[in-house]
Amino acid sequence: MISLDQVQLLEQKVGSAVEKITQLNAENSALRAKCAELQSALDAKSEQFNSFQSDQNKIEEGILSALDRLNTVENTVLESANGDSSSSEETVDYSYVGGDNNQSDPYNNGSQGQF
């Protein structure tokens, strides 16, 4: 037969189990809420990261485009300079260069040194 002490011990254990289950359900709810909050924050950060990555790609494309344009301008200037220098070399007077009379050279300081 079951004694009164055994029934009281069983009631204590059931009460303790119910209390623990209630406590764990509250903790579970709090953890689920925290998980949802963190998931929301992660989604926002992922969206922000994707936006930054898109902006970075646009910036990189802009820089590369500007460099290409500068390259084109540089090539045009160099081609223009090469075209002008070949025609201007024909009209430059080099008669004072290389002669024995370096006195006519305005840049000659009297030294006979070679470059």
N, C-alpha and C. Protein backbone atom coordinates (compact mmCIF):
# COMPACT_ATOMS: atom_id res chain seq x y z
N MET A 1 0.82 -1.16 0.00
CA MET A 1 0.00 0.00 0.00
C MET A 1 0.88 1.24 0.00
N ILE A 2 0.37 2.35 -0.56
CA ILE A 2 1.11 3.59 -0.67
C ILE A 2 0.88 4.38 0.62
N SER A 3 1.98 4.89 1.15
CA SER A 3 1.87 5.65 2.39
C SER A 3 1.67 7.13 2.09
N LEU A 4 1.22 7.84 3.09
CA LEU A 4 0.99 9.28 2.97
C LEU A 4 2.30 10.01 2.67
N ASP A 5 3.39 9.57 3.24
CA ASP A 5 4.70 10.20 2.98
C ASP A 5 5.11 10.06 1.52
N GLN A 6 4.80 8.93 0.93
CA GLN A 6 5.14 8.72 -0.49
C GLN A 6 4.31 9.65 -1.38
N VAL A 7 3.04 9.84 -1.04
CA VAL A 7 2.17 10.72 -1.83
C VAL A 7 2.65 12.16 -1.70
N GLN A 8 3.03 12.58 -0.50
CA GLN A 8 3.52 13.94 -0.29
C GLN A 8 4.84 14.15 -1.04
N LEU A 9 5.71 13.17 -1.03
CA LEU A 9 6.97 13.27 -1.77
C LEU A 9 6.71 13.37 -3.27
N LEU A 10 5.73 12.58 -3.75
CA LEU A 10 5.36 12.63 -5.17
C LEU A 10 4.80 14.01 -5.51
N GLU A 11 3.96 14.58 -4.67
CA GLU A 11 3.40 15.91 -4.91
C GLU A 11 4.51 16.97 -4.95
N GLN A 12 5.50 16.85 -4.09
CA GLN A 12 6.62 17.78 -4.09
C GLN A 12 7.41 17.68 -5.40
N LYS A 13 7.65 16.47 -5.84
CA LYS A 13 8.40 16.28 -7.08
C LYS A 13 7.61 16.77 -8.27
N VAL A 14 6.31 16.54 -8.32
CA VAL A 14 5.47 17.02 -9.42
C VAL A 14 5.45 18.55 -9.40
N GLY A 15 5.31 19.15 -8.23
CA GLY A 15 5.31 20.61 -8.10
C GLY A 15 6.64 21.19 -8.56
N SER A 16 7.73 20.56 -8.16
CA SER A 16 9.05 21.01 -8.57
C SER A 16 9.22 20.88 -10.08
N ALA A 17 8.72 19.78 -10.65
CA ALA A 17 8.82 19.58 -12.11
C ALA A 17 7.99 20.62 -12.85
N VAL A 18 6.78 20.91 -12.36
CA VAL A 18 5.92 21.92 -13.00
C VAL A 18 6.60 23.29 -12.92
N GLU A 19 7.18 23.60 -11.78
CA GLU A 19 7.88 24.88 -11.61
C GLU A 19 9.06 24.97 -12.58
N LYS A 20 9.81 23.90 -12.70
CA LYS A 20 10.97 23.88 -13.61
C LYS A 20 10.51 24.01 -15.05
N ILE A 21 9.43 23.32 -15.42
CA ILE A 21 8.89 23.41 -16.79
C ILE A 21 8.45 24.83 -17.08
N THR A 22 7.79 25.48 -16.13
CA THR A 22 7.35 26.87 -16.31
C THR A 22 8.56 27.79 -16.50
N GLN A 23 9.57 27.57 -15.68
CA GLN A 23 10.81 28.37 -15.79
C GLN A 23 11.47 28.14 -17.15
N LEU A 24 11.56 26.91 -17.60
CA LEU A 24 12.19 26.59 -18.89
C LEU A 24 11.38 27.15 -20.06
N ASN A 25 10.03 27.12 -19.95
CA ASN A 25 9.19 27.71 -21.00
C ASN A 25 9.42 29.22 -21.11
N ALA A 26 9.57 29.90 -19.97
CA ALA A 26 9.85 31.34 -19.98
C ALA A 26 11.21 31.62 -20.59
N GLU A 27 12.20 30.81 -20.20
CA GLU A 27 13.54 30.98 -20.76
C GLU A 27 13.54 30.70 -22.26
N ASN A 28 12.79 29.68 -22.67
CA ASN A 28 12.68 29.34 -24.09
C ASN A 28 12.06 30.50 -24.88
N SER A 29 11.03 31.09 -24.32
CA SER A 29 10.38 32.24 -24.99
C SER A 29 11.35 33.41 -25.11
N ALA A 30 12.11 33.67 -24.05
CA ALA A 30 13.08 34.76 -24.08
C ALA A 30 14.16 34.48 -25.12
N LEU A 31 14.63 33.23 -25.18
CA LEU A 31 15.66 32.88 -26.16
C LEU A 31 15.12 32.95 -27.59
N ARG A 32 13.88 32.55 -27.79
CA ARG A 32 13.28 32.66 -29.13
C ARG A 32 13.16 34.13 -29.56
N ALA A 33 12.77 34.99 -28.60
CA ALA A 33 12.67 36.43 -28.90
C ALA A 33 14.05 36.99 -29.23
N LYS A 34 15.06 36.59 -28.46
CA LYS A 34 16.43 37.06 -28.71
C LYS A 34 16.93 36.56 -30.06
N CYS A 35 16.61 35.31 -30.39
CA CYS A 35 17.00 34.74 -31.68
C CYS A 35 16.36 35.51 -32.83
N ALA A 36 15.08 35.83 -32.70
CA ALA A 36 14.38 36.60 -33.73
C ALA A 36 15.00 37.99 -33.87
N GLU A 37 15.35 38.60 -32.73
CA GLU A 37 15.99 39.92 -32.76
C GLU A 37 17.34 39.86 -33.46
N LEU A 38 18.12 38.84 -33.14
CA LEU A 38 19.44 38.69 -33.76
C LEU A 38 19.31 38.37 -35.25
N GLN A 39 18.32 37.57 -35.62
CA GLN A 39 18.10 37.26 -37.03
C GLN A 39 17.73 38.52 -37.80
N SER A 40 16.91 39.35 -37.19
CA SER A 40 16.52 40.62 -37.81
C SER A 40 17.74 41.53 -37.99
N ALA A 41 18.58 41.59 -36.95
CA ALA A 41 19.80 42.41 -37.04
C ALA A 41 20.74 41.86 -38.11
N LEU A 42 20.84 40.54 -38.19
CA LEU A 42 21.69 39.92 -39.22
C LEU A 42 21.17 40.25 -40.61
N ASP A 43 19.86 40.18 -40.80
CA ASP A 43 19.28 40.52 -42.10
C ASP A 43 19.57 41.97 -42.47
N ALA A 44 19.45 42.88 -41.49
CA ALA A 44 19.72 44.30 -41.74
C ALA A 44 21.19 44.50 -42.10
N LYS A 45 22.08 43.84 -41.36
CA LYS A 45 23.52 43.98 -41.64
C LYS A 45 23.87 43.37 -43.00
N SER A 46 23.23 42.27 -43.36
CA SER A 46 23.48 41.66 -44.66
C SER A 46 23.03 42.59 -45.78
N GLU A 47 21.89 43.21 -45.58
CA GLU A 47 21.39 44.17 -46.58
C GLU A 47 22.34 45.37 -46.68
N GLN A 48 22.80 45.84 -45.54
CA GLN A 48 23.74 46.97 -45.53
C GLN A 48 25.05 46.57 -46.21
N PHE A 49 25.53 45.37 -45.93
CA PHE A 49 26.76 44.89 -46.56
C PHE A 49 26.59 44.81 -48.08
N ASN A 50 25.46 44.28 -48.53
CA ASN A 50 25.22 44.18 -49.97
C ASN A 50 25.16 45.56 -50.61
N SER A 51 24.59 46.52 -49.89
CA SER A 51 24.54 47.89 -50.39
C SER A 51 25.95 48.47 -50.49
N PHE A 52 26.76 48.26 -49.45
CA PHE A 52 28.14 48.75 -49.48
C PHE A 52 28.93 48.08 -50.59
N GLN A 53 28.71 46.79 -50.78
CA GLN A 53 29.43 46.06 -51.83
C GLN A 53 29.02 46.59 -53.21
N SER A 54 27.75 46.87 -53.38
CA SER A 54 27.29 47.44 -54.65
C SER A 54 27.91 48.82 -54.87
N ASP A 55 27.92 49.64 -53.82
CA ASP A 55 28.54 50.97 -53.92
C ASP A 55 30.03 50.84 -54.24
N GLN A 56 30.69 49.87 -53.60
CA GLN A 56 32.12 49.66 -53.85
C GLN A 56 32.36 49.30 -55.31
N ASN A 57 31.49 48.44 -55.85
CA ASN A 57 31.63 48.07 -57.27
C ASN A 57 31.43 49.28 -58.18
N LYS A 58 30.46 50.12 -57.84
CA LYS A 58 30.23 51.33 -58.64
C LYS A 58 31.42 52.27 -58.55
N ILE A 59 31.99 52.41 -57.36
CA ILE A 59 33.16 53.27 -57.18
C ILE A 59 34.32 52.73 -57.99
N GLU A 60 34.53 51.42 -57.93
CA GLU A 60 35.63 50.80 -58.67
C GLU A 60 35.44 51.00 -60.18
N GLU A 61 34.21 50.82 -60.65
CA GLU A 61 33.93 51.03 -62.07
C GLU A 61 34.19 52.48 -62.46
N GLY A 62 33.80 53.42 -61.58
CA GLY A 62 34.03 54.84 -61.85
C GLY A 62 35.51 55.17 -61.92
N ILE A 63 36.29 54.60 -61.00
CA ILE A 63 37.74 54.84 -61.01
C ILE A 63 38.36 54.25 -62.26
N LEU A 64 37.97 53.04 -62.61
CA LEU A 64 38.52 52.42 -63.82
C LEU A 64 38.14 53.21 -65.06
N SER A 65 36.91 53.71 -65.09
CA SER A 65 36.47 54.52 -66.23
C SER A 65 37.30 55.82 -66.30
N ALA A 66 37.52 56.45 -65.15
CA ALA A 66 38.32 57.68 -65.13
C ALA A 66 39.75 57.40 -65.57
N LEU A 67 40.31 56.27 -65.12
CA LEU A 67 41.67 55.91 -65.53
C LEU A 67 41.74 55.65 -67.04
N ASP A 68 40.72 54.99 -67.58
CA ASP A 68 40.69 54.77 -69.03
C ASP A 68 40.62 56.09 -69.79
N ARG A 69 39.80 57.01 -69.27
CA ARG A 69 39.69 58.31 -69.93
C ARG A 69 41.02 59.06 -69.85
N LEU A 70 41.68 59.01 -68.69
CA LEU A 70 42.98 59.65 -68.56
C LEU A 70 44.01 59.02 -69.49
N ASN A 71 43.95 57.71 -69.62
CA ASN A 71 44.84 57.00 -70.53
C ASN A 71 44.62 57.46 -71.96
N THR A 72 43.36 57.60 -72.33
CA THR A 72 43.04 58.06 -73.67
C THR A 72 43.57 59.48 -73.90
N VAL A 73 43.36 60.35 -72.92
CA VAL A 73 43.85 61.73 -73.03
C VAL A 73 45.37 61.73 -73.12
N GLU A 74 46.02 60.93 -72.28
CA GLU A 74 47.48 60.87 -72.29
C GLU A 74 47.99 60.38 -73.65
N ASN A 75 47.36 59.34 -74.17
CA ASN A 75 47.77 58.83 -75.49
C ASN A 75 47.57 59.88 -76.57
N THR A 76 46.47 60.60 -76.50
CA THR A 76 46.20 61.65 -77.49
C THR A 76 47.25 62.75 -77.40
N VAL A 77 47.57 63.15 -76.18
CA VAL A 77 48.59 64.20 -75.98
C VAL A 77 49.94 63.73 -76.49
N LEU A 78 50.30 62.48 -76.16
CA LEU A 78 51.59 61.96 -76.61
C LEU A 78 51.65 61.85 -78.12
N GLU A 79 50.56 61.39 -78.72
CA GLU A 79 50.53 61.30 -80.19
C GLU A 79 50.63 62.68 -80.81
N SER A 80 49.94 63.62 -80.20
CA SER A 80 49.98 65.00 -80.70
C SER A 80 51.39 65.57 -80.55
N ALA A 81 52.02 65.32 -79.41
CA ALA A 81 53.37 65.82 -79.17
C ALA A 81 54.36 65.17 -80.13
N ASN A 82 54.22 63.89 -80.38
CA ASN A 82 55.10 63.21 -81.32
C ASN A 82 54.91 63.74 -82.74
N GLY A 83 53.69 64.03 -83.10
CA GLY A 83 53.43 64.58 -84.43
C GLY A 83 53.97 65.99 -84.55
N ASP A 84 53.83 66.80 -83.50
CA ASP A 84 54.33 68.17 -83.52
C ASP A 84 55.86 68.20 -83.46
N SER A 85 56.46 67.34 -82.69
CA SER A 85 57.91 67.38 -82.52
C SER A 85 58.62 66.94 -83.80
N SER A 86 58.02 66.02 -84.54
CA SER A 86 58.69 65.61 -85.78
C SER A 86 58.66 66.73 -86.81
N SER A 87 57.59 67.50 -86.83
CA SER A 87 57.55 68.61 -87.78
C SER A 87 58.34 69.80 -87.26
N SER A 88 58.38 69.97 -85.93
CA SER A 88 59.11 71.12 -85.40
C SER A 88 60.61 70.87 -85.40
N GLU A 89 61.04 69.61 -85.39
CA GLU A 89 62.47 69.34 -85.41
C GLU A 89 63.09 69.82 -86.73
N GLU A 90 62.33 69.86 -87.76
CA GLU A 90 62.86 70.30 -89.05
C GLU A 90 63.15 71.80 -89.05
N THR A 91 62.48 72.55 -88.20
CA THR A 91 62.65 74.00 -88.21
C THR A 91 63.58 74.50 -87.11
N VAL A 92 64.05 73.62 -86.22
CA VAL A 92 64.93 74.04 -85.14
C VAL A 92 66.35 74.21 -85.67
N ASP A 93 67.01 75.28 -85.25
CA ASP A 93 68.38 75.57 -85.67
C ASP A 93 69.34 74.96 -84.66
N TYR A 94 70.06 73.92 -85.07
CA TYR A 94 71.03 73.26 -84.21
C TYR A 94 72.47 73.63 -84.60
N SER A 95 72.68 74.71 -85.29
CA SER A 95 74.00 75.05 -85.82
C SER A 95 75.02 75.31 -84.72
N TYR A 96 74.58 75.74 -83.55
CA TYR A 96 75.53 76.02 -82.48
C TYR A 96 75.93 74.77 -81.71
N VAL A 97 75.18 73.69 -81.87
CA VAL A 97 75.45 72.46 -81.11
C VAL A 97 76.56 71.68 -81.80
N GLY A 98 77.53 71.24 -81.01
CA GLY A 98 78.57 70.36 -81.50
C GLY A 98 79.72 71.07 -82.20
N GLY A 99 79.63 72.34 -82.42
CA GLY A 99 80.72 73.07 -83.08
C GLY A 99 81.83 73.39 -82.10
N ASP A 100 82.97 73.82 -82.65
CA ASP A 100 84.10 74.18 -81.80
C ASP A 100 83.87 75.49 -81.08
N ASN A 101 83.04 76.33 -81.64
CA ASN A 101 82.81 77.64 -81.06
C ASN A 101 81.58 77.57 -80.14
N ASN A 102 81.78 77.17 -78.92
CA ASN A 102 80.69 77.07 -77.96
C ASN A 102 80.36 78.42 -77.34
N GLN A 103 81.06 79.46 -77.72
CA GLN A 103 80.81 80.78 -77.16
C GLN A 103 79.45 81.31 -77.62
N SER A 104 78.97 80.83 -78.77
CA SER A 104 77.68 81.32 -79.26
C SER A 104 76.52 80.66 -78.52
N ASP A 105 76.80 79.61 -77.75
CA ASP A 105 75.76 78.93 -76.98
C ASP A 105 75.47 79.74 -75.72
N PRO A 106 74.28 80.26 -75.57
CA PRO A 106 73.97 81.08 -74.40
C PRO A 106 74.00 80.27 -73.10
N TYR A 107 73.91 78.95 -73.18
CA TYR A 107 73.90 78.10 -71.99
C TYR A 107 75.29 77.59 -71.64
N ASN A 108 76.28 77.90 -72.42
CA ASN A 108 77.64 77.46 -72.17
C ASN A 108 78.28 78.41 -71.17
N ASN A 109 78.74 77.87 -70.07
CA ASN A 109 79.34 78.70 -69.05
C ASN A 109 80.86 78.74 -69.19
N GLY A 110 81.36 78.32 -70.32
CA GLY A 110 82.79 78.37 -70.57
C GLY A 110 83.49 77.05 -70.30
N SER A 111 82.81 76.11 -69.68
CA SER A 111 83.47 74.83 -69.39
C SER A 111 83.42 73.96 -70.66
N GLN A 112 84.39 73.12 -70.80
CA GLN A 112 84.48 72.26 -71.98
C GLN A 112 83.97 70.85 -71.68
N GLY A 113 83.28 70.67 -70.55
CA GLY A 113 82.81 69.35 -70.13
C GLY A 113 81.72 68.80 -71.05
N GLN A 114 81.63 67.51 -71.09
CA GLN A 114 80.60 66.83 -71.87
C GLN A 114 79.48 66.37 -70.93
N PHE A 115 78.32 66.23 -71.45
CA PHE A 115 77.18 65.71 -70.66
C PHE A 115 77.24 64.23 -70.60
